[in-house]
Amino acid sequence: MNTVLDMNRLTKIEKLRAMEELWEDLSRFDEEYPSPEWHGEVLQKRQDAVREGTDEFIPWEEAKRILRERTN
């Protein structure tokens, strides 16, 4: 199936939804796309920051809500 999106015609919300759908689809086959080593290094730094109290995690659904509010 050949799908072409006219990005200029999409709203920000539609673009974000398209990204979410693409990510969800790619994530189903994550073993086919190994992460580079630097991803692990970044994750370790972020975990260290959380442990040290200089950063915190928020639930993914909340993060998406915040992003959607910023684009409206």
N, C-alpha and C. Protein backbone atom coordinates (compact mmCIF):
# COMPACT_ATOMS: atom_id res chain seq x y z
N MET A 1 0.85 -1.18 0.00
CA MET A 1 0.00 0.00 0.00
C MET A 1 0.89 1.24 0.00
N ASN A 2 0.63 2.14 -0.89
CA ASN A 2 1.40 3.38 -0.98
C ASN A 2 0.57 4.51 -0.39
N THR A 3 1.05 5.07 0.73
CA THR A 3 0.34 6.15 1.40
C THR A 3 1.19 7.41 1.32
N VAL A 4 0.58 8.47 0.85
CA VAL A 4 1.27 9.75 0.78
C VAL A 4 0.43 10.77 1.53
N LEU A 5 1.06 11.47 2.47
CA LEU A 5 0.37 12.51 3.22
C LEU A 5 0.80 13.87 2.71
N ASP A 6 -0.15 14.71 2.41
CA ASP A 6 0.16 16.09 2.05
C ASP A 6 0.31 16.86 3.36
N MET A 7 1.54 16.94 3.84
CA MET A 7 1.81 17.52 5.15
C MET A 7 1.34 18.96 5.27
N ASN A 8 1.32 19.68 4.20
CA ASN A 8 0.89 21.08 4.24
C ASN A 8 -0.60 21.22 4.51
N ARG A 9 -1.35 20.18 4.25
CA ARG A 9 -2.81 20.24 4.44
C ARG A 9 -3.23 19.74 5.82
N LEU A 10 -2.31 19.12 6.56
CA LEU A 10 -2.66 18.57 7.87
C LEU A 10 -2.53 19.63 8.96
N THR A 11 -3.43 19.56 9.93
CA THR A 11 -3.32 20.43 11.10
C THR A 11 -2.24 19.86 12.02
N LYS A 12 -1.84 20.62 13.01
CA LYS A 12 -0.85 20.12 13.96
C LYS A 12 -1.35 18.88 14.68
N ILE A 13 -2.62 18.91 15.05
CA ILE A 13 -3.20 17.74 15.74
C ILE A 13 -3.15 16.52 14.83
N GLU A 14 -3.51 16.68 13.56
CA GLU A 14 -3.47 15.55 12.62
C GLU A 14 -2.04 15.04 12.44
N LYS A 15 -1.07 15.93 12.41
CA LYS A 15 0.33 15.52 12.29
C LYS A 15 0.77 14.74 13.52
N LEU A 16 0.40 15.22 14.70
CA LEU A 16 0.75 14.51 15.93
C LEU A 16 0.10 13.12 15.96
N ARG A 17 -1.14 13.04 15.54
CA ARG A 17 -1.82 11.73 15.52
C ARG A 17 -1.15 10.79 14.53
N ALA A 18 -0.73 11.33 13.37
CA ALA A 18 -0.04 10.50 12.38
C ALA A 18 1.28 9.99 12.96
N MET A 19 2.01 10.86 13.67
CA MET A 19 3.26 10.44 14.30
C MET A 19 3.02 9.34 15.31
N GLU A 20 1.96 9.49 16.12
CA GLU A 20 1.64 8.48 17.11
C GLU A 20 1.33 7.14 16.45
N GLU A 21 0.57 7.17 15.36
CA GLU A 21 0.23 5.93 14.67
C GLU A 21 1.47 5.29 14.05
N LEU A 22 2.35 6.10 13.46
CA LEU A 22 3.59 5.56 12.91
C LEU A 22 4.44 4.93 14.00
N TRP A 23 4.58 5.64 15.13
CA TRP A 23 5.39 5.13 16.23
C TRP A 23 4.81 3.82 16.76
N GLU A 24 3.49 3.78 16.92
CA GLU A 24 2.85 2.56 17.41
C GLU A 24 3.13 1.40 16.46
N ASP A 25 3.04 1.65 15.17
CA ASP A 25 3.29 0.60 14.19
C ASP A 25 4.74 0.14 14.24
N LEU A 26 5.68 1.09 14.27
CA LEU A 26 7.09 0.72 14.33
C LEU A 26 7.43 -0.01 15.62
N SER A 27 6.78 0.36 16.71
CA SER A 27 7.07 -0.24 18.01
C SER A 27 6.68 -1.71 18.07
N ARG A 28 5.76 -2.11 17.24
CA ARG A 28 5.35 -3.53 17.24
C ARG A 28 6.47 -4.43 16.75
N PHE A 29 7.41 -3.86 16.02
CA PHE A 29 8.50 -4.64 15.45
C PHE A 29 9.84 -4.12 15.95
N ASP A 30 9.90 -3.76 17.24
CA ASP A 30 11.08 -3.12 17.79
C ASP A 30 12.34 -3.98 17.72
N GLU A 31 12.19 -5.30 17.68
CA GLU A 31 13.38 -6.16 17.59
C GLU A 31 14.08 -6.00 16.24
N GLU A 32 13.38 -5.50 15.24
CA GLU A 32 13.98 -5.28 13.92
C GLU A 32 14.78 -3.97 13.86
N TYR A 33 14.60 -3.12 14.86
CA TYR A 33 15.26 -1.81 14.87
C TYR A 33 16.03 -1.65 16.18
N PRO A 34 17.23 -2.22 16.25
CA PRO A 34 17.97 -2.12 17.51
C PRO A 34 18.36 -0.67 17.81
N SER A 35 18.30 -0.31 19.09
CA SER A 35 18.66 1.04 19.50
C SER A 35 20.18 1.20 19.49
N PRO A 36 20.65 2.37 19.10
CA PRO A 36 22.09 2.60 19.14
C PRO A 36 22.57 2.70 20.59
N GLU A 37 23.84 2.48 20.82
CA GLU A 37 24.40 2.48 22.17
C GLU A 37 24.15 3.78 22.92
N TRP A 38 24.18 4.91 22.20
CA TRP A 38 24.02 6.20 22.88
C TRP A 38 22.63 6.35 23.50
N HIS A 39 21.64 5.61 23.00
CA HIS A 39 20.31 5.67 23.62
C HIS A 39 20.39 5.20 25.07
N GLY A 40 21.11 4.11 25.30
CA GLY A 40 21.27 3.60 26.65
C GLY A 40 21.99 4.59 27.55
N GLU A 41 22.97 5.29 26.98
CA GLU A 41 23.71 6.29 27.76
C GLU A 41 22.80 7.44 28.18
N VAL A 42 21.95 7.90 27.26
CA VAL A 42 21.01 8.98 27.58
C VAL A 42 20.03 8.53 28.64
N LEU A 43 19.51 7.32 28.49
CA LEU A 43 18.56 6.79 29.49
C LEU A 43 19.22 6.69 30.86
N GLN A 44 20.48 6.26 30.90
CA GLN A 44 21.17 6.15 32.19
C GLN A 44 21.32 7.52 32.83
N LYS A 45 21.67 8.54 32.05
CA LYS A 45 21.80 9.90 32.58
C LYS A 45 20.48 10.41 33.14
N ARG A 46 19.40 10.10 32.45
CA ARG A 46 18.09 10.54 32.91
C ARG A 46 17.67 9.81 34.17
N GLN A 47 17.97 8.51 34.24
CA GLN A 47 17.67 7.76 35.47
C GLN A 47 18.47 8.30 36.64
N ASP A 48 19.73 8.65 36.39
CA ASP A 48 20.56 9.24 37.45
C ASP A 48 19.96 10.55 37.93
N ALA A 49 19.48 11.39 36.99
CA ALA A 49 18.88 12.67 37.37
C ALA A 49 17.63 12.46 38.22
N VAL A 50 16.83 11.46 37.89
CA VAL A 50 15.63 11.16 38.68
C VAL A 50 16.04 10.70 40.08
N ARG A 51 17.01 9.82 40.14
CA ARG A 51 17.48 9.31 41.43
C ARG A 51 18.06 10.43 42.30
N GLU A 52 18.73 11.40 41.66
CA GLU A 52 19.33 12.53 42.39
C GLU A 52 18.31 13.62 42.72
N GLY A 53 17.10 13.49 42.18
CA GLY A 53 16.05 14.46 42.47
C GLY A 53 16.11 15.73 41.62
N THR A 54 16.90 15.70 40.55
CA THR A 54 16.99 16.88 39.69
C THR A 54 16.05 16.79 38.49
N ASP A 55 15.34 15.69 38.37
CA ASP A 55 14.38 15.51 37.28
C ASP A 55 13.33 14.51 37.75
N GLU A 56 12.22 14.44 37.03
CA GLU A 56 11.18 13.48 37.38
C GLU A 56 10.48 13.00 36.11
N PHE A 57 9.91 11.81 36.20
CA PHE A 57 9.14 11.26 35.09
C PHE A 57 7.69 11.69 35.24
N ILE A 58 7.01 11.84 34.11
CA ILE A 58 5.55 12.00 34.14
C ILE A 58 4.97 10.92 33.25
N PRO A 59 3.75 10.50 33.52
CA PRO A 59 3.13 9.46 32.70
C PRO A 59 3.02 9.91 31.24
N TRP A 60 3.19 8.97 30.32
CA TRP A 60 3.16 9.27 28.89
C TRP A 60 1.84 9.92 28.48
N GLU A 61 0.73 9.45 29.01
CA GLU A 61 -0.56 10.05 28.66
C GLU A 61 -0.61 11.52 29.07
N GLU A 62 -0.03 11.85 30.22
CA GLU A 62 0.00 13.24 30.66
C GLU A 62 0.91 14.07 29.74
N ALA A 63 2.03 13.50 29.36
CA ALA A 63 2.94 14.21 28.44
C ALA A 63 2.25 14.50 27.12
N LYS A 64 1.51 13.53 26.59
CA LYS A 64 0.79 13.75 25.32
C LYS A 64 -0.28 14.82 25.49
N ARG A 65 -0.96 14.82 26.65
CA ARG A 65 -1.99 15.83 26.90
C ARG A 65 -1.36 17.23 26.91
N ILE A 66 -0.23 17.37 27.56
CA ILE A 66 0.46 18.66 27.61
C ILE A 66 0.85 19.12 26.22
N LEU A 67 1.38 18.20 25.42
CA LEU A 67 1.78 18.54 24.04
C LEU A 67 0.57 18.96 23.21
N ARG A 68 -0.54 18.25 23.38
CA ARG A 68 -1.75 18.60 22.62
C ARG A 68 -2.25 19.98 23.01
N GLU A 69 -2.20 20.29 24.30
CA GLU A 69 -2.66 21.62 24.76
C GLU A 69 -1.78 22.73 24.19
N ARG A 70 -0.51 22.47 24.05
CA ARG A 70 0.42 23.48 23.51
C ARG A 70 0.19 23.72 22.03
N THR A 71 -0.38 22.75 21.32
CA THR A 71 -0.56 22.92 19.87
C THR A 71 -1.93 23.46 19.51
N ASN A 72 -2.82 23.59 20.47
CA ASN A 72 -4.16 24.13 20.18
C ASN A 72 -4.18 25.63 20.24
